[in-house]
């Protein structure tokens, strides 16, 4: 009788242990999927920041060119008025 109870207890512990292992594996997969999604989001965010930086650089260059043109045209007007 004692052997049967001991065998049943070992069998139940084995089943419980397997259940915990499957639960852990499922949780690890969920975390892996979450980290994969977060990594993809981070890559896209970094790419957008690079594009944004390039746009700002180009806008700064365009504004600087416009300022130079305006300064040159103002200088030409002043020179013409001075003569």
PDB file of N, CA and C in Angstrom:
ATOM      1  N   UNK A   1       0.824  -1.188   0.000  1.00  0.00           N
ATOM      2  CA  UNK A   1       0.000   0.000   0.000  1.00  0.00           C
ATOM      3  C   UNK A   1       0.874   1.260   0.000  1.00  0.00           C
ATOM      4  N   UNK A   2       1.918   1.225   0.823  1.00  0.00           N
ATOM      5  CA  UNK A   2       2.808   2.374   0.927  1.00  0.00           C
ATOM      6  C   UNK A   2       3.541   2.628  -0.394  1.00  0.00           C
ATOM      7  N   UNK A   3       3.910   1.542  -1.110  1.00  0.00           N
ATOM      8  CA  UNK A   3       4.582   1.685  -2.402  1.00  0.00           C
ATOM      9  C   UNK A   3       3.668   2.368  -3.408  1.00  0.00           C
ATOM     10  N   UNK A   4       2.392   2.010  -3.376  1.00  0.00           N
ATOM     11  CA  UNK A   4       1.436   2.603  -4.317  1.00  0.00           C
ATOM     12  C   UNK A   4       1.273   4.094  -4.051  1.00  0.00           C
ATOM     13  N   UNK A   5       1.164   4.466  -2.786  1.00  0.00           N
ATOM     14  CA  UNK A   5       1.020   5.883  -2.436  1.00  0.00           C
ATOM     15  C   UNK A   5       2.285   6.642  -2.830  1.00  0.00           C
ATOM     16  N   UNK A   6       3.433   6.050  -2.557  1.00  0.00           N
ATOM     17  CA  UNK A   6       4.706   6.679  -2.918  1.00  0.00           C
ATOM     18  C   UNK A   6       4.825   6.824  -4.438  1.00  0.00           C
ATOM     19  N   UNK A   7       4.430   5.816  -5.182  1.00  0.00           N
ATOM     20  CA  UNK A   7       4.467   5.888  -6.648  1.00  0.00           C
ATOM     21  C   UNK A   7       3.511   6.950  -7.159  1.00  0.00           C
ATOM     22  N   UNK A   8       2.325   7.017  -6.569  1.00  0.00           N
ATOM     23  CA  UNK A   8       1.351   8.030  -6.980  1.00  0.00           C
ATOM     24  C   UNK A   8       1.868   9.424  -6.677  1.00  0.00           C
ATOM     25  N   UNK A   9       2.502   9.616  -5.527  1.00  0.00           N
ATOM     26  CA  UNK A   9       3.054  10.917  -5.155  1.00  0.00           C
ATOM     27  C   UNK A   9       4.175  11.326  -6.112  1.00  0.00           C
ATOM     28  N   UNK A  10       5.043  10.399  -6.452  1.00  0.00           N
ATOM     29  CA  UNK A  10       6.131  10.684  -7.395  1.00  0.00           C
ATOM     30  C   UNK A  10       5.562  11.031  -8.759  1.00  0.00           C
ATOM     31  N   UNK A  11       4.539  10.295  -9.186  1.00  0.00           N
ATOM     32  CA  UNK A  11       3.896  10.563 -10.470  1.00  0.00           C
ATOM     33  C   UNK A  11       3.260  11.963 -10.469  1.00  0.00           C
ATOM     34  N   UNK A  12       2.574  12.331  -9.396  1.00  0.00           N
ATOM     35  CA  UNK A  12       1.953  13.657  -9.298  1.00  0.00           C
ATOM     36  C   UNK A  12       3.010  14.769  -9.271  1.00  0.00           C
ATOM     37  N   UNK A  13       4.107  14.526  -8.574  1.00  0.00           N
ATOM     38  CA  UNK A  13       5.188  15.507  -8.562  1.00  0.00           C
ATOM     39  C   UNK A  13       5.811  15.666  -9.939  1.00  0.00           C
ATOM     40  N   UNK A  14       5.951  14.567 -10.650  1.00  0.00           N
ATOM     41  CA  UNK A  14       6.492  14.617 -12.012  1.00  0.00           C
ATOM     42  C   UNK A  14       5.566  15.429 -12.923  1.00  0.00           C
ATOM     43  N   UNK A  15       4.261  15.176 -12.829  1.00  0.00           N
ATOM     44  CA  UNK A  15       3.289  15.920 -13.639  1.00  0.00           C
ATOM     45  C   UNK A  15       3.325  17.409 -13.277  1.00  0.00           C
ATOM     46  N   UNK A  16       3.387  17.719 -11.974  1.00  0.00           N
ATOM     47  CA  UNK A  16       3.455  19.119 -11.546  1.00  0.00           C
ATOM     48  C   UNK A  16       4.725  19.783 -12.055  1.00  0.00           C
ATOM     49  N   UNK A  17       5.825  19.066 -12.006  1.00  0.00           N
ATOM     50  CA  UNK A  17       7.096  19.602 -12.488  1.00  0.00           C
ATOM     51  C   UNK A  17       7.031  19.881 -13.989  1.00  0.00           C
ATOM     52  N   UNK A  18       6.455  18.955 -14.748  1.00  0.00           N
ATOM     53  CA  UNK A  18       6.311  19.165 -16.193  1.00  0.00           C
ATOM     54  C   UNK A  18       5.422  20.366 -16.472  1.00  0.00           C
ATOM     55  N   UNK A  19       4.346  20.486 -15.699  1.00  0.00           N
ATOM     56  CA  UNK A  19       3.458  21.642 -15.875  1.00  0.00           C
ATOM     57  C   UNK A  19       4.180  22.952 -15.637  1.00  0.00           C
ATOM     58  N   UNK A  20       5.002  23.001 -14.596  1.00  0.00           N
ATOM     59  CA  UNK A  20       5.773  24.215 -14.329  1.00  0.00           C
ATOM     60  C   UNK A  20       6.770  24.514 -15.439  1.00  0.00           C
ATOM     61  N   UNK A  21       7.407  23.481 -15.955  1.00  0.00           N
ATOM     62  CA  UNK A  21       8.360  23.689 -17.052  1.00  0.00           C
ATOM     63  C   UNK A  21       7.661  24.225 -18.293  1.00  0.00           C
ATOM     64  N   UNK A  22       6.506  23.680 -18.633  1.00  0.00           N
ATOM     65  CA  UNK A  22       5.766  24.183 -19.796  1.00  0.00           C
ATOM     66  C   UNK A  22       5.323  25.618 -19.577  1.00  0.00           C
ATOM     67  N   UNK A  23       4.907  25.951 -18.350  1.00  0.00           N
ATOM     68  CA  UNK A  23       4.495  27.317 -18.036  1.00  0.00           C
ATOM     69  C   UNK A  23       5.682  28.261 -18.178  1.00  0.00           C
ATOM     70  N   UNK A  24       6.859  27.849 -17.675  1.00  0.00           N
ATOM     71  CA  UNK A  24       8.058  28.676 -17.799  1.00  0.00           C
ATOM     72  C   UNK A  24       8.448  28.881 -19.258  1.00  0.00           C
ATOM     73  N   UNK A  25       8.355  27.826 -20.043  1.00  0.00           N
ATOM     74  CA  UNK A  25       8.699  27.937 -21.468  1.00  0.00           C
ATOM     75  C   UNK A  25       7.753  28.910 -22.161  1.00  0.00           C
ATOM     76  N   UNK A  26       6.479  28.842 -21.835  1.00  0.00           N
ATOM     77  CA  UNK A  26       5.495  29.754 -22.429  1.00  0.00           C
ATOM     78  C   UNK A  26       5.793  31.201 -22.031  1.00  0.00           C
ATOM     79  N   UNK A  27       6.116  31.433 -20.773  1.00  0.00           N
ATOM     80  CA  UNK A  27       6.445  32.780 -20.309  1.00  0.00           C
ATOM     81  C   UNK A  27       7.714  33.309 -20.986  1.00  0.00           C
ATOM     82  N   UNK A  28       8.714  32.447 -21.133  1.00  0.00           N
ATOM     83  CA  UNK A  28       9.953  32.854 -21.799  1.00  0.00           C
ATOM     84  C   UNK A  28       9.668  33.239 -23.245  1.00  0.00           C
ATOM     85  N   UNK A  29       8.825  32.491 -23.920  1.00  0.00           N
ATOM     86  CA  UNK A  29       8.463  32.832 -25.306  1.00  0.00           C
ATOM     87  C   UNK A  29       7.724  34.158 -25.367  1.00  0.00           C
ATOM     88  N   UNK A  30       6.830  34.390 -24.415  1.00  0.00           N
ATOM     89  CA  UNK A  30       6.109  35.666 -24.390  1.00  0.00           C
ATOM     90  C   UNK A  30       7.084  36.823 -24.197  1.00  0.00           C
ATOM     91  N   UNK A  31       8.037  36.664 -23.261  1.00  0.00           N
ATOM     92  CA  UNK A  31       9.025  37.711 -23.052  1.00  0.00           C
ATOM     93  C   UNK A  31       9.884  37.914 -24.295  1.00  0.00           C
ATOM     94  N   UNK A  32      10.241  36.829 -24.959  1.00  0.00           N
ATOM     95  CA  UNK A  32      11.046  36.935 -26.175  1.00  0.00           C
ATOM     96  C   UNK A  32      10.285  37.696 -27.257  1.00  0.00           C
ATOM     97  N   UNK A  33       9.018  37.390 -27.411  1.00  0.00           N
ATOM     98  CA  UNK A  33       8.203  38.105 -28.396  1.00  0.00           C
ATOM     99  C   UNK A  33       8.101  39.584 -28.044  1.00  0.00           C
ATOM    100  N   UNK A  34       7.934  39.867 -26.758  1.00  0.00           N
ATOM    101  CA  UNK A  34       7.847  41.258 -26.315  1.00  0.00           C
ATOM    102  C   UNK A  34       9.148  41.995 -26.616  1.00  0.00           C
ATOM    103  N   UNK A  35      10.283  41.367 -26.309  1.00  0.00           N
ATOM    104  CA  UNK A  35      11.564  41.999 -26.570  1.00  0.00           C
ATOM    105  C   UNK A  35      11.818  42.161 -28.065  1.00  0.00           C
ATOM    106  N   UNK A  36      11.354  41.234 -28.860  1.00  0.00           N
ATOM    107  CA  UNK A  36      11.496  41.348 -30.309  1.00  0.00           C
ATOM    108  C   UNK A  36      10.709  42.549 -30.829  1.00  0.00           C
ATOM    109  N   UNK A  37       9.488  42.698 -30.347  1.00  0.00           N
ATOM    110  CA  UNK A  37       8.670  43.843 -30.758  1.00  0.00           C
ATOM    111  C   UNK A  37       9.315  45.147 -30.292  1.00  0.00           C
ATOM    112  N   UNK A  38       9.807  45.177 -29.063  1.00  0.00           N
ATOM    113  CA  UNK A  38      10.462  46.383 -28.560  1.00  0.00           C
ATOM    114  C   UNK A  38      11.713  46.720 -29.369  1.00  0.00           C
ATOM    115  N   UNK A  39      12.462  45.707 -29.758  1.00  0.00           N
ATOM    116  CA  UNK A  39      13.657  45.946 -30.572  1.00  0.00           C
ATOM    117  C   UNK A  39      13.278  46.516 -31.936  1.00  0.00           C
ATOM    118  N   UNK A  40      12.221  45.983 -32.535  1.00  0.00           N
ATOM    119  CA  UNK A  40      11.765  46.502 -33.832  1.00  0.00           C
ATOM    120  C   UNK A  40      11.312  47.950 -33.698  1.00  0.00           C
ATOM    121  N   UNK A  41      10.609  48.254 -32.626  1.00  0.00           N
ATOM    122  CA  UNK A  41      10.161  49.632 -32.393  1.00  0.00           C
ATOM    123  C   UNK A  41      11.367  50.550 -32.224  1.00  0.00           C
ATOM    124  N   UNK A  42      12.360  50.098 -31.506  1.00  0.00           N
ATOM    125  CA  UNK A  42      13.560  50.913 -31.274  1.00  0.00           C
ATOM    126  C   UNK A  42      14.313  51.166 -32.576  1.00  0.00           C
ATOM    127  N   UNK A  43      14.391  50.155 -33.443  1.00  0.00           N
ATOM    128  CA  UNK A  43      15.052  50.335 -34.738  1.00  0.00           C
ATOM    129  C   UNK A  43      14.306  51.366 -35.573  1.00  0.00           C
ATOM    130  N   UNK A  44      12.984  51.267 -35.597  1.00  0.00           N
ATOM    131  CA  UNK A  44      12.192  52.234 -36.371  1.00  0.00           C
ATOM    132  C   UNK A  44      12.303  53.634 -35.781  1.00  0.00           C
ATOM    133  N   UNK A  45      12.314  53.730 -34.454  1.00  0.00           N
ATOM    134  CA  UNK A  45      12.440  55.039 -33.807  1.00  0.00           C
ATOM    135  C   UNK A  45      13.789  55.666 -34.140  1.00  0.00           C
ATOM    136  N   UNK A  46      14.838  54.860 -34.116  1.00  0.00           N
ATOM    137  CA  UNK A  46      16.170  55.365 -34.444  1.00  0.00           C
ATOM    138  C   UNK A  46      16.226  55.815 -35.902  1.00  0.00           C
ATOM    139  N   UNK A  47      15.619  55.042 -36.777  1.00  0.00           N
ATOM    140  CA  UNK A  47      15.587  55.419 -38.194  1.00  0.00           C
ATOM    141  C   UNK A  47      14.855  56.734 -38.391  1.00  0.00           C
ATOM    142  N   UNK A  48      13.744  56.900 -37.704  1.00  0.00           N
ATOM    143  CA  UNK A  48      12.997  58.160 -37.808  1.00  0.00           C
ATOM    144  C   UNK A  48      13.811  59.330 -37.266  1.00  0.00           C
ATOM    145  N   UNK A  49      14.564  59.100 -36.203  1.00  0.00           N
ATOM    146  CA  UNK A  49      15.395  60.168 -35.656  1.00  0.00           C
ATOM    147  C   UNK A  49      16.482  60.572 -36.647  1.00  0.00           C
ATOM    148  N   UNK A  50      17.051  59.600 -37.353  1.00  0.00           N
ATOM    149  CA  UNK A  50      18.074  59.902 -38.356  1.00  0.00           C
ATOM    150  C   UNK A  50      17.464  60.713 -39.496  1.00  0.00           C
ATOM    151  N   UNK A  51      16.296  60.301 -39.948  1.00  0.00           N
ATOM    152  CA  UNK A  51      15.612  61.040 -41.024  1.00  0.00           C
ATOM    153  C   UNK A  51      15.283  62.451 -40.555  1.00  0.00           C
ATOM    154  N   UNK A  52      14.779  62.574 -39.337  1.00  0.00           N
ATOM    155  CA  UNK A  52      14.439  63.877 -38.780  1.00  0.00           C
ATOM    156  C   UNK A  52      15.675  64.770 -38.716  1.00  0.00           C
ATOM    157  N   UNK A  53      16.802  64.204 -38.309  1.00  0.00           N
ATOM    158  CA  UNK A  53      18.038  64.973 -38.230  1.00  0.00           C
ATOM    159  C   UNK A  53      18.473  65.446 -39.619  1.00  0.00           C
ATOM    160  N   UNK A  54      18.339  64.588 -40.608  1.00  0.00           N
ATOM    161  CA  UNK A  54      18.703  64.982 -41.977  1.00  0.00           C
ATOM    162  C   UNK A  54      17.792  66.096 -42.486  1.00  0.00           C
ATOM    163  N   UNK A  55      16.505  65.993 -42.180  1.00  0.00           N
ATOM    164  CA  UNK A  55      15.558  67.035 -42.600  1.00  0.00           C
ATOM    165  C   UNK A  55      15.939  68.362 -41.940  1.00  0.00           C
ATOM    166  N   UNK A  56      16.260  68.313 -40.655  1.00  0.00           N
ATOM    167  CA  UNK A  56      16.647  69.548 -39.970  1.00  0.00           C
ATOM    168  C   UNK A  56      17.923  70.139 -40.557  1.00  0.00           C
ATOM    169  N   UNK A  57      18.895  69.296 -40.890  1.00  0.00           N
ATOM    170  CA  UNK A  57      20.127  69.790 -41.511  1.00  0.00           C
ATOM    171  C   UNK A  57      19.824  70.474 -42.840  1.00  0.00           C
ATOM    172  N   UNK A  58      18.986  69.832 -43.658  1.00  0.00           N
ATOM    173  CA  UNK A  58      18.643  70.409 -44.959  1.00  0.00           C
ATOM    174  C   UNK A  58      17.879  71.720 -44.790  1.00  0.00           C
ATOM    175  N   UNK A  59      16.976  71.772 -43.818  1.00  0.00           N
ATOM    176  CA  UNK A  59      16.245  73.014 -43.575  1.00  0.00           C
ATOM    177  C   UNK A  59      17.194  74.116 -43.124  1.00  0.00           C
ATOM    178  N   UNK A  60      18.141  73.792 -42.278  1.00  0.00           N
ATOM    179  CA  UNK A  60      19.112  74.784 -41.814  1.00  0.00           C
ATOM    180  C   UNK A  60      19.946  75.306 -42.985  1.00  0.00           C
ATOM    181  N   UNK A  61      20.353  74.411 -43.881  1.00  0.00           N
ATOM    182  CA  UNK A  61      21.114  74.839 -45.064  1.00  0.00           C
ATOM    183  C   UNK A  61      20.272  75.755 -45.932  1.00  0.00           C
ATOM    184  N   UNK A  62      19.011  75.388 -46.157  1.00  0.00           N
ATOM    185  CA  UNK A  62      18.129  76.219 -46.983  1.00  0.00           C
ATOM    186  C   UNK A  62      17.908  77.591 -46.358  1.00  0.00           C
ATOM    187  N   UNK A  63      17.715  77.618 -45.060  1.00  0.00           N
ATOM    188  CA  UNK A  63      17.507  78.898 -44.382  1.00  0.00           C
ATOM    189  C   UNK A  63      18.762  79.756 -44.476  1.00  0.00           C
ATOM    190  N   UNK A  64      19.910  79.137 -44.311  1.00  0.00           N
ATOM    191  CA  UNK A  64      21.176  79.877 -44.410  1.00  0.00           C
ATOM    192  C   UNK A  64      21.359  80.440 -45.816  1.00  0.00           C
ATOM    193  N   UNK A  65      21.019  79.654 -46.840  1.00  0.00           N
ATOM    194  CA  UNK A  65      21.109  80.140 -48.220  1.00  0.00           C
ATOM    195  C   UNK A  65      20.162  81.304 -48.454  1.00  0.00           C
ATOM    196  N   UNK A  66      18.951  81.208 -47.914  1.00  0.00           N
ATOM    197  CA  UNK A  66      17.990  82.308 -48.055  1.00  0.00           C
ATOM    198  C   UNK A  66      18.508  83.569 -47.362  1.00  0.00           C
ATOM    199  N   UNK A  67      19.102  83.417 -46.192  1.00  0.00           N
ATOM    200  CA  UNK A  67      19.666  84.567 -45.484  1.00  0.00           C
ATOM    201  C   UNK A  67      20.778  85.209 -46.301  1.00  0.00           C
ATOM    202  N   UNK A  68      21.654  84.381 -46.876  1.00  0.00           N
ATOM    203  CA  UNK A  68      22.749  84.916 -47.685  1.00  0.00           C
ATOM    204  C   UNK A  68      22.207  85.671 -48.887  1.00  0.00           C
ATOM    205  N   UNK A  69      21.198  85.090 -49.544  1.00  0.00           N
ATOM    206  CA  UNK A  69      20.588  85.755 -50.705  1.00  0.00           C
ATOM    207  C   UNK A  69      19.958  87.081 -50.307  1.00  0.00           C
ATOM    208  N   UNK A  70      19.233  87.075 -49.185  1.00  0.00           N
ATOM    209  CA  UNK A  70      18.600  88.309 -48.724  1.00  0.00           C
ATOM    210  C   UNK A  70      19.652  89.352 -48.367  1.00  0.00           C
ATOM    211  N   UNK A  71      20.722  88.930 -47.695  1.00  0.00           N
ATOM    212  CA  UNK A  71      21.796  89.867 -47.344  1.00  0.00           C
ATOM    213  C   UNK A  71      22.447  90.430 -48.597  1.00  0.00           C
ATOM    214  N   UNK A  72      22.694  89.590 -49.581  1.00  0.00           N
ATOM    215  CA  UNK A  72      23.317  90.043 -50.825  1.00  0.00           C
ATOM    216  C   UNK A  72      22.393  91.010 -51.554  1.00  0.00           C
ATOM    217  N   UNK A  73      21.100  90.683 -51.598  1.00  0.00           N
ATOM    218  CA  UNK A  73      20.175  91.585 -52.295  1.00  0.00           C
ATOM    219  C   UNK A  73      20.044  92.905 -51.552  1.00  0.00           C
ATOM    220  N   UNK A  74      20.076  92.879 -50.205  1.00  0.00           N
ATOM    221  CA  UNK A  74      20.032  94.123 -49.439  1.00  0.00           C
ATOM    222  C   UNK A  74      21.286  94.950 -49.656  1.00  0.00           C
ATOM    223  N   UNK A  75      22.445  94.269 -49.711  1.00  0.00           N
ATOM    224  CA  UNK A  75      23.695  94.982 -49.959  1.00  0.00           C
ATOM    225  C   UNK A  75      23.680  95.637 -51.332  1.00  0.00           C
ATOM    226  N   UNK A  76      23.154  94.908 -52.337  1.00  0.00           N
ATOM    227  CA  UNK A  76      23.071  95.483 -53.681  1.00  0.00           C
ATOM    228  C   UNK A  76      22.139  96.693 -53.696  1.00  0.00           C
ATOM    229  N   UNK A  77      21.043  96.621 -52.964  1.00  0.00           N
ATOM    230  CA  UNK A  77      20.105  97.756 -52.904  1.00  0.00           C
ATOM    231  C   UNK A  77      20.764  98.956 -52.236  1.00  0.00           C
ATOM    232  N   UNK A  78      21.495  98.711 -51.149  1.00  0.00           N
ATOM    233  CA  UNK A  78      22.152  99.807 -50.457  1.00  0.00           C
ATOM    234  C   UNK A  78      23.228 100.454 -51.348  1.00  0.00           C
ATOM    235  N   UNK A  79      23.965  99.585 -52.071  1.00  0.00           N
ATOM    236  CA  UNK A  79      24.986 100.110 -52.973  1.00  0.00           C
ATOM    237  C   UNK A  79      24.347 100.942 -54.075  1.00  0.00           C
ATOM    238  N   UNK A  80      23.227 100.483 -54.590  1.00  0.00           N
ATOM    239  CA  UNK A  80      22.528 101.217 -55.658  1.00  0.00           C
ATOM    240  C   UNK A  80      21.975 102.525 -55.134  1.00  0.00           C
ATOM    241  N   UNK A  81      21.470 102.523 -53.924  1.00  0.00           N
ATOM    242  CA  UNK A  81      20.915 103.749 -53.328  1.00  0.00           C
ATOM    243  C   UNK A  81      22.031 104.734 -52.986  1.00  0.00           C
ATOM    244  N   UNK A  82      23.190 104.202 -52.618  1.00  0.00           N
ATOM    245  CA  UNK A  82      24.302 105.058 -52.250  1.00  0.00           C
ATOM    246  C   UNK A  82      24.860 105.785 -53.472  1.00  0.00           C
ATOM    247  N   UNK A  83      24.741 105.209 -54.637  1.00  0.00           N
ATOM    248  CA  UNK A  83      25.281 105.823 -55.857  1.00  0.00           C
ATOM    249  C   UNK A  83      24.314 106.798 -56.361  1.00  0.00           C
TER     250      UNK A  83
END
